[in-house]
Amino acid sequence: MRSLKLDTPKSLSQRVMQRLRQAIIDGEFALGAAISEEMVAGSFGVSRTPVREAMGLLQARGLVVIRPQVGSFVFTPSAEDITALCTFRIALEPQAAQLAFRHDRDGTIATMSAAIAAMEPAVAAKDNIAYGRADAAFHEALFAHCGNRYLAESYQLASSRVAALRTNLTSPIDVRTRTSFDEHRKLLDLFARGEHASFEAAMTTHITNSGVVYAKALKVETLDAD
């Protein structure tokens, strides 16, 4: 039998990737910002090899764009990207909700309720990072409890980009109003009562509205950059 040795560099690159992923999602790196491998390596106290590997992993998740001979940059969504992402979510999230209701209704409700409980103080404190994290946890609950790993893995392909867009573009607006918070409470109520058609309609509206906010915020950022 071949020796099963731990791949320490790979483990290190995973840890670097997870920290950078959270930094991008939390807005520590703005959309489109350059990420210096040298700076990251120095900050983490590691060589550039695990940082380079982490960048490759982040590129696979759609969070980073690597331009050979130029550098690594946080992704910048286009209007077409946002439309496609919202269409993807509208197709998957209601289906995941139906499966989660049948597979683990109580567990899903508990996780969604915990996310809503975390949203309220975030709104009061106007903490867009905390709100964005709670918002992400709410939607991810549907996939965590759906009992179908293929559906969950499909969502994971886009979840990091969605989370980054929330924090950078919608959460600053959401913490100034209760609209998003109220929509999430309505979604939880419809889910708990098993009103799947109404849940799907409400979720479609919720995601569509988010897409509109993404697009408007992106347009403003583009105009400001010009």
C-alpha atoms as a PDB file:
ATOM      1  CA  MET A   1       0.000   0.000   0.000  1.00  0.00           C
ATOM      2  CA  ARG A   2       1.287   3.478  -0.870  1.00  0.00           C
ATOM      3  CA  SER A   3       2.104   5.807   1.990  1.00  0.00           C
ATOM      4  CA  LEU A   4      -0.712   8.234   2.722  1.00  0.00           C
ATOM      5  CA  LYS A   5       1.140  11.416   3.566  1.00  0.00           C
ATOM      6  CA  LEU A   6      -0.555  14.673   4.398  1.00  0.00           C
ATOM      7  CA  ASP A   7      -0.084  17.292   1.722  1.00  0.00           C
ATOM      8  CA  THR A   8       0.934  20.199   3.935  1.00  0.00           C
ATOM      9  CA  PRO A   9       1.282  22.796   1.145  1.00  0.00           C
ATOM     10  CA  LYS A  10      -2.182  21.891  -0.119  1.00  0.00           C
ATOM     11  CA  SER A  11      -3.616  22.231   3.385  1.00  0.00           C
ATOM     12  CA  LEU A  12      -1.920  25.608   3.726  1.00  0.00           C
ATOM     13  CA  SER A  13      -3.241  26.789   0.381  1.00  0.00           C
ATOM     14  CA  GLN A  14      -6.751  25.792   1.472  1.00  0.00           C
ATOM     15  CA  ARG A  15      -6.407  27.890   4.622  1.00  0.00           C
ATOM     16  CA  VAL A  16      -5.123  30.855   2.621  1.00  0.00           C
ATOM     17  CA  MET A  17      -7.978  30.394   0.146  1.00  0.00           C
ATOM     18  CA  GLN A  18     -10.623  30.329   2.894  1.00  0.00           C
ATOM     19  CA  ARG A  19      -9.280  33.527   4.475  1.00  0.00           C
ATOM     20  CA  LEU A  20      -9.091  35.329   1.134  1.00  0.00           C
ATOM     21  CA  ARG A  21     -12.560  34.077   0.209  1.00  0.00           C
ATOM     22  CA  GLN A  22     -13.993  35.580   3.389  1.00  0.00           C
ATOM     23  CA  ALA A  23     -12.070  38.815   2.826  1.00  0.00           C
ATOM     24  CA  ILE A  24     -13.606  39.143  -0.645  1.00  0.00           C
ATOM     25  CA  ILE A  25     -17.094  38.281   0.598  1.00  0.00           C
ATOM     26  CA  ASP A  26     -16.799  40.747   3.488  1.00  0.00           C
ATOM     27  CA  GLY A  27     -15.650  43.511   1.163  1.00  0.00           C
ATOM     28  CA  GLU A  28     -12.091  43.788   2.477  1.00  0.00           C
ATOM     29  CA  PHE A  29     -11.167  43.564  -1.188  1.00  0.00           C
ATOM     30  CA  ALA A  30     -13.519  45.563  -3.391  1.00  0.00           C
ATOM     31  CA  LEU A  31     -14.959  44.179  -6.594  1.00  0.00           C
ATOM     32  CA  GLY A  32     -12.304  44.474  -9.297  1.00  0.00           C
ATOM     33  CA  ALA A  33      -9.509  45.165  -6.793  1.00  0.00           C
ATOM     34  CA  ALA A  34      -6.022  43.835  -7.428  1.00  0.00           C
ATOM     35  CA  ILE A  35      -4.730  41.215  -4.976  1.00  0.00           C
ATOM     36  CA  SER A  36      -0.974  41.219  -4.604  1.00  0.00           C
ATOM     37  CA  GLU A  37       0.441  37.728  -4.083  1.00  0.00           C
ATOM     38  CA  GLU A  38       3.489  39.281  -2.431  1.00  0.00           C
ATOM     39  CA  MET A  39       1.351  41.311  -0.024  1.00  0.00           C
ATOM     40  CA  VAL A  40      -0.808  38.316   0.884  1.00  0.00           C
ATOM     41  CA  ALA A  41       2.219  36.080   1.368  1.00  0.00           C
ATOM     42  CA  GLY A  42       3.847  38.659   3.635  1.00  0.00           C
ATOM     43  CA  SER A  43       0.635  39.209   5.611  1.00  0.00           C
ATOM     44  CA  PHE A  44       0.141  35.467   6.174  1.00  0.00           C
ATOM     45  CA  GLY A  45       3.827  34.733   6.737  1.00  0.00           C
ATOM     46  CA  VAL A  46       3.915  32.111   3.987  1.00  0.00           C
ATOM     47  CA  SER A  47       5.698  31.679   0.669  1.00  0.00           C
ATOM     48  CA  ARG A  48       4.048  32.743  -2.580  1.00  0.00           C
ATOM     49  CA  THR A  49       3.431  29.109  -3.605  1.00  0.00           C
ATOM     50  CA  PRO A  50       0.363  28.472  -1.374  1.00  0.00           C
ATOM     51  CA  VAL A  51      -0.909  31.949  -2.211  1.00  0.00           C
ATOM     52  CA  ARG A  52      -0.665  31.191  -5.932  1.00  0.00           C
ATOM     53  CA  GLU A  53      -2.477  27.883  -5.366  1.00  0.00           C
ATOM     54  CA  ALA A  54      -5.150  29.680  -3.334  1.00  0.00           C
ATOM     55  CA  MET A  55      -5.674  32.134  -6.194  1.00  0.00           C
ATOM     56  CA  GLY A  56      -6.273  29.216  -8.531  1.00  0.00           C
ATOM     57  CA  LEU A  57      -8.880  27.794  -6.156  1.00  0.00           C
ATOM     58  CA  LEU A  58     -10.575  31.174  -5.895  1.00  0.00           C
ATOM     59  CA  GLN A  59     -10.608  31.491  -9.670  1.00  0.00           C
ATOM     60  CA  ALA A  60     -12.401  28.133  -9.860  1.00  0.00           C
ATOM     61  CA  ARG A  61     -15.045  29.558  -7.497  1.00  0.00           C
ATOM     62  CA  GLY A  62     -15.466  32.607  -9.700  1.00  0.00           C
ATOM     63  CA  LEU A  63     -14.171  35.056  -7.112  1.00  0.00           C
ATOM     64  CA  VAL A  64     -10.830  35.869  -8.704  1.00  0.00           C
ATOM     65  CA  VAL A  65      -9.704  36.542 -12.262  1.00  0.00           C
ATOM     66  CA  ILE A  66      -6.057  35.726 -12.970  1.00  0.00           C
ATOM     67  CA  ARG A  67      -4.514  37.634 -15.856  1.00  0.00           C
ATOM     68  CA  PRO A  68      -1.166  36.111 -16.879  1.00  0.00           C
ATOM     69  CA  GLN A  69       1.728  38.559 -16.635  1.00  0.00           C
ATOM     70  CA  VAL A  70      -0.662  41.132 -15.120  1.00  0.00           C
ATOM     71  CA  GLY A  71      -1.945  39.905 -11.767  1.00  0.00           C
ATOM     72  CA  SER A  72      -4.940  38.595  -9.816  1.00  0.00           C
ATOM     73  CA  PHE A  73      -8.118  40.603  -9.384  1.00  0.00           C
ATOM     74  CA  VAL A  74     -11.426  40.241  -7.556  1.00  0.00           C
ATOM     75  CA  PHE A  75     -14.152  39.473 -10.100  1.00  0.00           C
ATOM     76  CA  THR A  76     -16.195  42.309 -11.553  1.00  0.00           C
ATOM     77  CA  PRO A  77     -19.694  41.206 -12.604  1.00  0.00           C
ATOM     78  CA  SER A  78     -21.336  42.484 -15.748  1.00  0.00           C
ATOM     79  CA  ALA A  79     -25.058  43.119 -16.156  1.00  0.00           C
ATOM     80  CA  GLU A  80     -25.254  39.842 -18.105  1.00  0.00           C
ATOM     81  CA  ASP A  81     -23.507  37.991 -15.251  1.00  0.00           C
ATOM     82  CA  ILE A  82     -26.023  39.321 -12.759  1.00  0.00           C
ATOM     83  CA  THR A  83     -28.992  38.283 -14.901  1.00  0.00           C
ATOM     84  CA  ALA A  84     -27.566  34.798 -15.405  1.00  0.00           C
ATOM     85  CA  LEU A  85     -26.802  34.433 -11.708  1.00  0.00           C
ATOM     86  CA  CYS A  86     -30.324  35.437 -10.694  1.00  0.00           C
ATOM     87  CA  THR A  87     -31.833  33.057 -13.258  1.00  0.00           C
ATOM     88  CA  PHE A  88     -29.654  30.276 -11.850  1.00  0.00           C
ATOM     89  CA  ARG A  89     -30.819  30.993  -8.299  1.00  0.00           C
ATOM     90  CA  ILE A  90     -34.487  31.198  -9.294  1.00  0.00           C
ATOM     91  CA  ALA A  91     -34.198  27.760 -10.884  1.00  0.00           C
ATOM     92  CA  LEU A  92     -32.436  26.133  -7.911  1.00  0.00           C
ATOM     93  CA  GLU A  93     -33.641  27.695  -4.664  1.00  0.00           C
ATOM     94  CA  PRO A  94     -37.367  26.833  -4.858  1.00  0.00           C
ATOM     95  CA  GLN A  95     -36.465  23.248  -5.809  1.00  0.00           C
ATOM     96  CA  ALA A  96     -34.044  23.017  -2.891  1.00  0.00           C
ATOM     97  CA  ALA A  97     -36.776  24.365  -0.606  1.00  0.00           C
ATOM     98  CA  GLN A  98     -39.222  21.626  -1.596  1.00  0.00           C
ATOM     99  CA  LEU A  99     -36.602  18.938  -1.023  1.00  0.00           C
ATOM    100  CA  ALA A 100     -35.537  20.471   2.298  1.00  0.00           C
ATOM    101  CA  PHE A 101     -39.170  20.580   3.446  1.00  0.00           C
ATOM    102  CA  ARG A 102     -39.546  16.857   2.785  1.00  0.00           C
ATOM    103  CA  HIS A 103     -36.085  15.819   3.949  1.00  0.00           C
ATOM    104  CA  ASP A 104     -35.542  17.945   7.061  1.00  0.00           C
ATOM    105  CA  ARG A 105     -38.273  20.522   7.609  1.00  0.00           C
ATOM    106  CA  ASP A 106     -37.479  21.159  11.278  1.00  0.00           C
ATOM    107  CA  GLY A 107     -33.735  21.448  10.735  1.00  0.00           C
ATOM    108  CA  THR A 108     -34.229  23.866   7.848  1.00  0.00           C
ATOM    109  CA  ILE A 109     -36.614  26.029   9.868  1.00  0.00           C
ATOM    110  CA  ALA A 110     -34.158  26.117  12.777  1.00  0.00           C
ATOM    111  CA  THR A 111     -31.276  27.225  10.546  1.00  0.00           C
ATOM    112  CA  MET A 112     -33.360  29.822   8.711  1.00  0.00           C
ATOM    113  CA  SER A 113     -34.742  31.133  12.005  1.00  0.00           C
ATOM    114  CA  ALA A 114     -31.226  31.500  13.405  1.00  0.00           C
ATOM    115  CA  ALA A 115     -30.239  33.488  10.319  1.00  0.00           C
ATOM    116  CA  ILE A 116     -33.221  35.818  10.736  1.00  0.00           C
ATOM    117  CA  ALA A 117     -32.399  36.235  14.417  1.00  0.00           C
ATOM    118  CA  ALA A 118     -28.915  37.393  13.373  1.00  0.00           C
ATOM    119  CA  MET A 119     -30.325  39.803  10.790  1.00  0.00           C
ATOM    120  CA  GLU A 120     -32.306  41.933  13.249  1.00  0.00           C
ATOM    121  CA  PRO A 121     -29.375  43.248  15.333  1.00  0.00           C
ATOM    122  CA  ALA A 122     -27.390  43.708  12.116  1.00  0.00           C
ATOM    123  CA  VAL A 123     -30.124  45.981  10.764  1.00  0.00           C
ATOM    124  CA  ALA A 124     -30.244  47.879  14.070  1.00  0.00           C
ATOM    125  CA  ALA A 125     -26.465  48.343  14.015  1.00  0.00           C
ATOM    126  CA  LYS A 126     -26.383  48.984  10.256  1.00  0.00           C
ATOM    127  CA  ASP A 127     -23.729  46.257  10.057  1.00  0.00           C
ATOM    128  CA  ASN A 128     -23.787  45.230   6.397  1.00  0.00           C
ATOM    129  CA  ILE A 129     -21.151  42.515   6.866  1.00  0.00           C
ATOM    130  CA  ALA A 130     -23.108  40.769   9.634  1.00  0.00           C
ATOM    131  CA  TYR A 131     -26.309  41.164   7.642  1.00  0.00           C
ATOM    132  CA  GLY A 132     -24.710  39.730   4.512  1.00  0.00           C
ATOM    133  CA  ARG A 133     -23.446  36.699   6.424  1.00  0.00           C
ATOM    134  CA  ALA A 134     -26.884  36.079   7.932  1.00  0.00           C
ATOM    135  CA  ASP A 135     -28.528  36.528   4.539  1.00  0.00           C
ATOM    136  CA  ALA A 136     -26.144  33.966   3.025  1.00  0.00           C
ATOM    137  CA  ALA A 137     -26.835  31.512   5.868  1.00  0.00           C
ATOM    138  CA  PHE A 138     -30.589  31.830   5.268  1.00  0.00           C
ATOM    139  CA  HIS A 139     -30.359  30.837   1.618  1.00  0.00           C
ATOM    140  CA  GLU A 140     -27.672  28.208   2.148  1.00  0.00           C
ATOM    141  CA  ALA A 141     -29.945  26.476   4.688  1.00  0.00           C
ATOM    142  CA  LEU A 142     -32.145  25.258   1.841  1.00  0.00           C
ATOM    143  CA  PHE A 143     -29.217  23.406   0.283  1.00  0.00           C
ATOM    144  CA  ALA A 144     -27.651  22.242   3.541  1.00  0.00           C
ATOM    145  CA  HIS A 145     -30.875  20.405   4.430  1.00  0.00           C
ATOM    146  CA  CYS A 146     -32.166  19.378   0.999  1.00  0.00           C
ATOM    147  CA  GLY A 147     -30.592  15.904   1.128  1.00  0.00           C
ATOM    148  CA  ASN A 148     -29.302  16.108  -2.444  1.00  0.00           C
ATOM    149  CA  ARG A 149     -25.557  16.662  -2.657  1.00  0.00           C
ATOM    150  CA  TYR A 150     -25.635  17.308  -6.396  1.00  0.00           C
ATOM    151  CA  LEU A 151     -28.047  20.195  -5.935  1.00  0.00           C
ATOM    152  CA  ALA A 152     -25.982  21.498  -3.014  1.00  0.00           C
ATOM    153  CA  GLU A 153     -22.743  21.255  -5.019  1.00  0.00           C
ATOM    154  CA  SER A 154     -24.354  23.091  -7.931  1.00  0.00           C
ATOM    155  CA  TYR A 155     -25.262  25.975  -5.649  1.00  0.00           C
ATOM    156  CA  GLN A 156     -21.752  26.045  -4.195  1.00  0.00           C
ATOM    157  CA  LEU A 157     -20.447  26.914  -7.663  1.00  0.00           C
ATOM    158  CA  ALA A 158     -22.129  30.309  -7.386  1.00  0.00           C
ATOM    159  CA  SER A 159     -22.650  30.861  -3.657  1.00  0.00           C
ATOM    160  CA  SER A 160     -19.373  32.712  -3.080  1.00  0.00           C
ATOM    161  CA  ARG A 161     -20.113  35.184  -5.872  1.00  0.00           C
ATOM    162  CA  VAL A 162     -23.642  35.699  -4.548  1.00  0.00           C
ATOM    163  CA  ALA A 163     -22.293  36.308  -1.030  1.00  0.00           C
ATOM    164  CA  ALA A 164     -19.730  38.825  -2.326  1.00  0.00           C
ATOM    165  CA  LEU A 165     -22.388  40.691  -4.305  1.00  0.00           C
ATOM    166  CA  ARG A 166     -24.640  40.816  -1.226  1.00  0.00           C
ATOM    167  CA  THR A 167     -22.001  42.419   0.977  1.00  0.00           C
ATOM    168  CA  ASN A 168     -20.637  44.780  -1.655  1.00  0.00           C
ATOM    169  CA  LEU A 169     -23.853  45.840  -3.385  1.00  0.00           C
ATOM    170  CA  THR A 170     -27.071  45.018  -1.524  1.00  0.00           C
ATOM    171  CA  SER A 171     -26.326  44.751   2.201  1.00  0.00           C
ATOM    172  CA  PRO A 172     -25.433  48.460   2.547  1.00  0.00           C
ATOM    173  CA  ILE A 173     -28.976  49.156   1.299  1.00  0.00           C
ATOM    174  CA  ASP A 174     -30.634  46.309   3.220  1.00  0.00           C
ATOM    175  CA  VAL A 175     -29.361  47.500   6.609  1.00  0.00           C
ATOM    176  CA  ARG A 176     -30.894  50.940   5.979  1.00  0.00           C
ATOM    177  CA  THR A 177     -34.370  49.510   5.348  1.00  0.00           C
ATOM    178  CA  ARG A 178     -36.362  46.536   6.625  1.00  0.00           C
ATOM    179  CA  THR A 179     -37.545  45.438   3.180  1.00  0.00           C
ATOM    180  CA  SER A 180     -35.097  42.556   2.805  1.00  0.00           C
ATOM    181  CA  PHE A 181     -35.565  41.520   6.435  1.00  0.00           C
ATOM    182  CA  ASP A 182     -39.355  41.422   6.013  1.00  0.00           C
ATOM    183  CA  GLU A 183     -39.015  39.410   2.791  1.00  0.00           C
ATOM    184  CA  HIS A 184     -36.910  36.791   4.584  1.00  0.00           C
ATOM    185  CA  ARG A 185     -39.464  36.508   7.403  1.00  0.00           C
ATOM    186  CA  LYS A 186     -42.206  36.010   4.820  1.00  0.00           C
ATOM    187  CA  LEU A 187     -40.169  33.330   3.060  1.00  0.00           C
ATOM    188  CA  LEU A 188     -39.635  31.479   6.349  1.00  0.00           C
ATOM    189  CA  ASP A 189     -43.358  31.627   7.131  1.00  0.00           C
ATOM    190  CA  LEU A 190     -44.322  30.276   3.695  1.00  0.00           C
ATOM    191  CA  PHE A 191     -41.706  27.519   3.959  1.00  0.00           C
ATOM    192  CA  ALA A 192     -42.851  26.462   7.433  1.00  0.00           C
ATOM    193  CA  ARG A 193     -46.452  26.187   6.219  1.00  0.00           C
ATOM    194  CA  GLY A 194     -45.444  24.191   3.157  1.00  0.00           C
ATOM    195  CA  GLU A 195     -46.935  26.701   0.743  1.00  0.00           C
ATOM    196  CA  HIS A 196     -44.514  25.812  -2.018  1.00  0.00           C
ATOM    197  CA  ALA A 197     -46.142  27.736  -4.871  1.00  0.00           C
ATOM    198  CA  SER A 198     -46.330  30.926  -2.826  1.00  0.00           C
ATOM    199  CA  PHE A 199     -42.780  30.368  -1.575  1.00  0.00           C
ATOM    200  CA  GLU A 200     -41.519  30.007  -5.139  1.00  0.00           C
ATOM    201  CA  ALA A 201     -43.303  33.201  -6.208  1.00  0.00           C
ATOM    202  CA  ALA A 202     -41.942  35.123  -3.217  1.00  0.00           C
ATOM    203  CA  MET A 203     -38.431  33.771  -3.703  1.00  0.00           C
ATOM    204  CA  THR A 204     -38.519  34.659  -7.407  1.00  0.00           C
ATOM    205  CA  THR A 205     -39.540  38.222  -6.533  1.00  0.00           C
ATOM    206  CA  HIS A 206     -36.896  38.422  -3.806  1.00  0.00           C
ATOM    207  CA  ILE A 207     -34.073  37.265  -6.085  1.00  0.00           C
ATOM    208  CA  THR A 208     -35.281  39.439  -8.973  1.00  0.00           C
ATOM    209  CA  ASN A 209     -35.343  42.492  -6.695  1.00  0.00           C
ATOM    210  CA  SER A 210     -31.814  41.667  -5.549  1.00  0.00           C
ATOM    211  CA  GLY A 211     -30.718  41.524  -9.177  1.00  0.00           C
ATOM    212  CA  VAL A 212     -32.188  44.964  -9.815  1.00  0.00           C
ATOM    213  CA  VAL A 213     -30.278  46.352  -6.819  1.00  0.00           C
ATOM    214  CA  TYR A 214     -27.064  44.637  -7.998  1.00  0.00           C
ATOM    215  CA  ALA A 215     -27.428  46.178 -11.444  1.00  0.00           C
ATOM    216  CA  LYS A 216     -28.172  49.682 -10.133  1.00  0.00           C
ATOM    217  CA  ALA A 217     -25.302  49.590  -7.653  1.00  0.00           C
ATOM    218  CA  LEU A 218     -22.927  48.292 -10.309  1.00  0.00           C
ATOM    219  CA  LYS A 219     -23.975  51.086 -12.676  1.00  0.00           C
ATOM    220  CA  VAL A 220     -23.302  53.684  -9.986  1.00  0.00           C
ATOM    221  CA  GLU A 221     -19.884  52.211  -9.264  1.00  0.00           C
ATOM    222  CA  THR A 222     -19.055  52.244 -12.971  1.00  0.00           C
ATOM    223  CA  LEU A 223     -20.089  55.904 -13.300  1.00  0.00           C
ATOM    224  CA  ASP A 224     -18.067  56.820 -10.208  1.00  0.00           C
ATOM    225  CA  ALA A 225     -15.026  55.055 -11.664  1.00  0.00           C
ATOM    226  CA  ASP A 226     -15.388  57.088 -14.856  1.00  0.00           C
END
